[in-house]
Amino acid sequence: MAKRIDYYDDPDAPAANSLVPSVNVIVTNDAGEVLMIRRTDNDNWAVPGGAIDLGESIPQAAVRETLEETGITCEITGLVGTYSDPRHVILYTSNGEARQEFSLVLTARAVSGEPTPSDESREVRWVSRDQVVALRMDRSMRMRIEHYLAGVGIPYVG
């Protein structure tokens, strides 16, 4: 099975060979819970997201990726921040791509649908705000969620 391996400031990381604009989406429901997925490629918890396709806007990509990975239709409500740290390299073992981090993290509210796993998500569920950070996840995902939970209202730029 193809794997995703995240490296951060690691001398053993492969040199990045691509940069792909992507989105992550922190979706909440009326109870204030956060929509989380357990990824199939590394078994870590994350918020939905993925690459922005040609001809697609940032919000369109965010809504599409969320629906594909979770079964939830959402409406974009804001921006958590931008994440482009060249020390974070993501290796995709299926094709040898070593991608430098480049992600826009948006907020959204759930509009319809039921949490439903996909090829990219082995588990999808609503998680209370106080339990989200207890889940196993990569440090970059944890940082993004912590920025959202801090609720400072000013987007992170990094």
C-alpha atoms as a PDB file:
ATOM      1  CA  MET A   1       0.000   0.000   0.000  1.00  0.00           C
ATOM      2  CA  ALA A   2       1.209   3.489  -0.828  1.00  0.00           C
ATOM      3  CA  LYS A   3       2.274   5.510   2.185  1.00  0.00           C
ATOM      4  CA  ARG A   4       2.630   9.152   3.117  1.00  0.00           C
ATOM      5  CA  ILE A   5       5.629   9.929   5.310  1.00  0.00           C
ATOM      6  CA  ASP A   6       6.002  13.371   6.888  1.00  0.00           C
ATOM      7  CA  TYR A   7       9.474  14.670   7.702  1.00  0.00           C
ATOM      8  CA  TYR A   8      10.184  17.820   9.651  1.00  0.00           C
ATOM      9  CA  ASP A   9      13.642  19.354   9.889  1.00  0.00           C
ATOM     10  CA  ASP A  10      15.026  15.857   9.356  1.00  0.00           C
ATOM     11  CA  PRO A  11      18.478  15.415   7.768  1.00  0.00           C
ATOM     12  CA  ASP A  12      17.300  12.018   6.446  1.00  0.00           C
ATOM     13  CA  ALA A  13      14.347  13.552   4.590  1.00  0.00           C
ATOM     14  CA  PRO A  14      14.423  13.328   0.811  1.00  0.00           C
ATOM     15  CA  ALA A  15      15.007  16.591  -1.055  1.00  0.00           C
ATOM     16  CA  ALA A  16      11.701  18.155  -2.088  1.00  0.00           C
ATOM     17  CA  ASN A  17      10.949  17.734  -5.793  1.00  0.00           C
ATOM     18  CA  SER A  18       7.508  19.369  -5.959  1.00  0.00           C
ATOM     19  CA  LEU A  19       5.371  22.148  -4.543  1.00  0.00           C
ATOM     20  CA  VAL A  20       1.602  21.656  -4.806  1.00  0.00           C
ATOM     21  CA  PRO A  21      -0.936  24.217  -3.565  1.00  0.00           C
ATOM     22  CA  SER A  22      -3.344  22.428  -1.247  1.00  0.00           C
ATOM     23  CA  VAL A  23      -6.108  23.085   1.251  1.00  0.00           C
ATOM     24  CA  ASN A  24      -7.046  21.708   4.642  1.00  0.00           C
ATOM     25  CA  VAL A  25     -10.492  22.351   6.067  1.00  0.00           C
ATOM     26  CA  ILE A  26     -11.489  22.603   9.713  1.00  0.00           C
ATOM     27  CA  VAL A  27     -15.204  21.847   9.528  1.00  0.00           C
ATOM     28  CA  THR A  28     -17.421  22.270  12.581  1.00  0.00           C
ATOM     29  CA  ASN A  29     -21.005  21.251  13.239  1.00  0.00           C
ATOM     30  CA  ASP A  30     -23.720  23.003  15.287  1.00  0.00           C
ATOM     31  CA  ALA A  31     -22.364  21.369  18.466  1.00  0.00           C
ATOM     32  CA  GLY A  32     -18.907  22.891  17.826  1.00  0.00           C
ATOM     33  CA  GLU A  33     -17.317  19.516  17.124  1.00  0.00           C
ATOM     34  CA  VAL A  34     -14.521  19.215  14.557  1.00  0.00           C
ATOM     35  CA  LEU A  35     -14.720  16.849  11.579  1.00  0.00           C
ATOM     36  CA  MET A  36     -11.710  14.515  11.657  1.00  0.00           C
ATOM     37  CA  ILE A  37     -10.507  11.740   9.377  1.00  0.00           C
ATOM     38  CA  ARG A  38      -8.124   8.866  10.048  1.00  0.00           C
ATOM     39  CA  ARG A  39      -5.997   8.748   6.907  1.00  0.00           C
ATOM     40  CA  THR A  40      -5.535   5.467   5.056  1.00  0.00           C
ATOM     41  CA  ASP A  41      -1.970   6.310   3.947  1.00  0.00           C
ATOM     42  CA  ASN A  42      -0.389   6.854   7.385  1.00  0.00           C
ATOM     43  CA  ASP A  43      -3.138   6.021   9.929  1.00  0.00           C
ATOM     44  CA  ASN A  44      -2.850   9.505  11.471  1.00  0.00           C
ATOM     45  CA  TRP A  45      -5.799  11.739  12.253  1.00  0.00           C
ATOM     46  CA  ALA A  46      -6.199  14.909  10.203  1.00  0.00           C
ATOM     47  CA  VAL A  47      -8.742  17.363   8.907  1.00  0.00           C
ATOM     48  CA  PRO A  48      -9.869  16.808   5.314  1.00  0.00           C
ATOM     49  CA  GLY A  49      -7.882  18.325   2.480  1.00  0.00           C
ATOM     50  CA  GLY A  50      -5.866  17.896  -0.657  1.00  0.00           C
ATOM     51  CA  ALA A  51      -4.487  19.476  -3.787  1.00  0.00           C
ATOM     52  CA  ILE A  52      -6.158  22.381  -5.558  1.00  0.00           C
ATOM     53  CA  ASP A  53      -6.959  21.335  -9.123  1.00  0.00           C
ATOM     54  CA  LEU A  54      -6.416  23.538 -12.180  1.00  0.00           C
ATOM     55  CA  GLY A  55      -9.529  25.616 -12.877  1.00  0.00           C
ATOM     56  CA  GLU A  56     -10.630  25.437  -9.246  1.00  0.00           C
ATOM     57  CA  SER A  57     -10.739  28.203  -6.646  1.00  0.00           C
ATOM     58  CA  ILE A  58      -9.438  27.691  -3.125  1.00  0.00           C
ATOM     59  CA  PRO A  59     -12.974  27.456  -1.629  1.00  0.00           C
ATOM     60  CA  GLN A  60     -14.116  25.100  -4.410  1.00  0.00           C
ATOM     61  CA  ALA A  61     -11.181  22.776  -3.703  1.00  0.00           C
ATOM     62  CA  ALA A  62     -11.900  22.869   0.028  1.00  0.00           C
ATOM     63  CA  VAL A  63     -15.576  21.958  -0.420  1.00  0.00           C
ATOM     64  CA  ARG A  64     -14.743  19.220  -2.963  1.00  0.00           C
ATOM     65  CA  GLU A  65     -11.993  17.622  -0.867  1.00  0.00           C
ATOM     66  CA  THR A  66     -14.169  17.658   2.255  1.00  0.00           C
ATOM     67  CA  LEU A  67     -17.069  15.988   0.448  1.00  0.00           C
ATOM     68  CA  GLU A  68     -14.823  13.383  -1.227  1.00  0.00           C
ATOM     69  CA  GLU A  69     -13.056  12.394   1.989  1.00  0.00           C
ATOM     70  CA  THR A  70     -15.904  12.666   4.511  1.00  0.00           C
ATOM     71  CA  GLY A  71     -19.349  12.687   2.882  1.00  0.00           C
ATOM     72  CA  ILE A  72     -19.971  16.130   4.431  1.00  0.00           C
ATOM     73  CA  THR A  73     -20.913  19.172   2.355  1.00  0.00           C
ATOM     74  CA  CYS A  74     -19.563  22.341   3.912  1.00  0.00           C
ATOM     75  CA  GLU A  75     -19.584  26.100   3.485  1.00  0.00           C
ATOM     76  CA  ILE A  76     -16.291  27.995   3.825  1.00  0.00           C
ATOM     77  CA  THR A  77     -16.320  30.597   6.611  1.00  0.00           C
ATOM     78  CA  GLY A  78     -12.740  31.789   7.098  1.00  0.00           C
ATOM     79  CA  LEU A  79      -8.989  31.322   7.064  1.00  0.00           C
ATOM     80  CA  VAL A  80      -6.862  29.795   9.834  1.00  0.00           C
ATOM     81  CA  GLY A  81      -3.588  30.423   8.058  1.00  0.00           C
ATOM     82  CA  THR A  82      -0.992  29.606   5.438  1.00  0.00           C
ATOM     83  CA  TYR A  83       1.609  26.888   5.924  1.00  0.00           C
ATOM     84  CA  SER A  84       4.660  26.681   3.639  1.00  0.00           C
ATOM     85  CA  ASP A  85       7.592  25.616   5.812  1.00  0.00           C
ATOM     86  CA  PRO A  86      10.321  24.167   3.532  1.00  0.00           C
ATOM     87  CA  ARG A  87      11.542  22.069   6.491  1.00  0.00           C
ATOM     88  CA  HIS A  88       8.329  20.003   6.188  1.00  0.00           C
ATOM     89  CA  VAL A  89       8.669  17.464   3.379  1.00  0.00           C
ATOM     90  CA  ILE A  90       5.985  14.909   2.571  1.00  0.00           C
ATOM     91  CA  LEU A  91       7.104  11.728   0.783  1.00  0.00           C
ATOM     92  CA  TYR A  92       4.529   9.778  -1.229  1.00  0.00           C
ATOM     93  CA  THR A  93       5.930   6.270  -1.657  1.00  0.00           C
ATOM     94  CA  SER A  94       3.596   5.450  -4.564  1.00  0.00           C
ATOM     95  CA  ASN A  95       5.489   7.716  -6.960  1.00  0.00           C
ATOM     96  CA  GLY A  96       8.535   9.071  -5.121  1.00  0.00           C
ATOM     97  CA  GLU A  97       7.111  12.582  -4.945  1.00  0.00           C
ATOM     98  CA  ALA A  98       8.736  14.566  -2.116  1.00  0.00           C
ATOM     99  CA  ARG A  99       6.501  17.579  -1.657  1.00  0.00           C
ATOM    100  CA  GLN A 100       7.357  20.768   0.203  1.00  0.00           C
ATOM    101  CA  GLU A 101       4.479  21.801   2.454  1.00  0.00           C
ATOM    102  CA  PHE A 102       2.153  24.399   0.913  1.00  0.00           C
ATOM    103  CA  SER A 103      -1.270  24.483   2.514  1.00  0.00           C
ATOM    104  CA  LEU A 104      -4.038  27.006   3.050  1.00  0.00           C
ATOM    105  CA  VAL A 105      -6.106  26.070   6.097  1.00  0.00           C
ATOM    106  CA  LEU A 106      -9.719  27.202   5.989  1.00  0.00           C
ATOM    107  CA  THR A 107     -12.638  27.029   8.391  1.00  0.00           C
ATOM    108  CA  ALA A 108     -16.070  25.806   7.378  1.00  0.00           C
ATOM    109  CA  ARG A 109     -19.438  24.847   8.768  1.00  0.00           C
ATOM    110  CA  ALA A 110     -21.179  21.597   7.922  1.00  0.00           C
ATOM    111  CA  VAL A 111     -24.251  22.030   5.729  1.00  0.00           C
ATOM    112  CA  SER A 112     -25.355  18.431   5.068  1.00  0.00           C
ATOM    113  CA  GLY A 113     -24.279  14.814   4.903  1.00  0.00           C
ATOM    114  CA  GLU A 114     -23.181  12.072   7.258  1.00  0.00           C
ATOM    115  CA  PRO A 115     -19.573  11.165   8.127  1.00  0.00           C
ATOM    116  CA  THR A 116     -18.633   8.499   5.578  1.00  0.00           C
ATOM    117  CA  PRO A 117     -15.169   6.947   5.023  1.00  0.00           C
ATOM    118  CA  SER A 118     -13.545   6.995   1.569  1.00  0.00           C
ATOM    119  CA  ASP A 119     -10.450   5.597  -0.142  1.00  0.00           C
ATOM    120  CA  GLU A 120      -8.436   8.287   1.661  1.00  0.00           C
ATOM    121  CA  SER A 121     -10.136   8.078   5.073  1.00  0.00           C
ATOM    122  CA  ARG A 122     -10.547   4.816   6.968  1.00  0.00           C
ATOM    123  CA  GLU A 123     -12.577   6.571   9.679  1.00  0.00           C
ATOM    124  CA  VAL A 124     -14.531   9.851   9.763  1.00  0.00           C
ATOM    125  CA  ARG A 125     -16.070  11.316  12.894  1.00  0.00           C
ATOM    126  CA  TRP A 126     -17.037  14.441  14.770  1.00  0.00           C
ATOM    127  CA  VAL A 127     -14.678  15.085  17.695  1.00  0.00           C
ATOM    128  CA  SER A 128     -15.211  17.522  20.551  1.00  0.00           C
ATOM    129  CA  ARG A 129     -12.800  20.460  20.660  1.00  0.00           C
ATOM    130  CA  ASP A 130     -11.268  19.290  23.947  1.00  0.00           C
ATOM    131  CA  GLN A 131     -10.540  15.800  22.550  1.00  0.00           C
ATOM    132  CA  VAL A 132      -9.130  16.751  19.135  1.00  0.00           C
ATOM    133  CA  VAL A 133      -5.535  17.327  20.263  1.00  0.00           C
ATOM    134  CA  ALA A 134      -5.462  13.944  22.047  1.00  0.00           C
ATOM    135  CA  LEU A 135      -5.677  12.151  18.681  1.00  0.00           C
ATOM    136  CA  ARG A 136      -2.509  10.810  17.039  1.00  0.00           C
ATOM    137  CA  MET A 137      -1.501  13.163  14.213  1.00  0.00           C
ATOM    138  CA  ASP A 138       1.523  14.633  12.499  1.00  0.00           C
ATOM    139  CA  ARG A 139       3.056  17.687  14.191  1.00  0.00           C
ATOM    140  CA  SER A 140       2.118  19.961  11.270  1.00  0.00           C
ATOM    141  CA  MET A 141      -1.554  18.965  11.493  1.00  0.00           C
ATOM    142  CA  ARG A 142      -1.505  19.416  15.272  1.00  0.00           C
ATOM    143  CA  MET A 143      -0.064  22.921  14.831  1.00  0.00           C
ATOM    144  CA  ARG A 144      -2.804  23.871  12.356  1.00  0.00           C
ATOM    145  CA  ILE A 145      -5.556  22.615  14.667  1.00  0.00           C
ATOM    146  CA  GLU A 146      -3.987  24.353  17.678  1.00  0.00           C
ATOM    147  CA  HIS A 147      -3.902  27.631  15.729  1.00  0.00           C
ATOM    148  CA  TYR A 148      -7.623  27.194  15.015  1.00  0.00           C
ATOM    149  CA  LEU A 149      -8.454  26.294  18.622  1.00  0.00           C
ATOM    150  CA  ALA A 150      -6.524  29.332  19.916  1.00  0.00           C
ATOM    151  CA  GLY A 151      -9.141  31.461  18.152  1.00  0.00           C
ATOM    152  CA  VAL A 152      -7.007  34.589  17.836  1.00  0.00           C
ATOM    153  CA  GLY A 153      -8.827  35.668  14.677  1.00  0.00           C
ATOM    154  CA  ILE A 154      -5.637  36.661  12.841  1.00  0.00           C
ATOM    155  CA  PRO A 155      -4.483  34.180  10.167  1.00  0.00           C
ATOM    156  CA  TYR A 156      -1.146  32.433  10.762  1.00  0.00           C
ATOM    157  CA  VAL A 157       1.419  33.051   8.041  1.00  0.00           C
ATOM    158  CA  GLY A 158       4.258  30.588   7.955  1.00  0.00           C
END
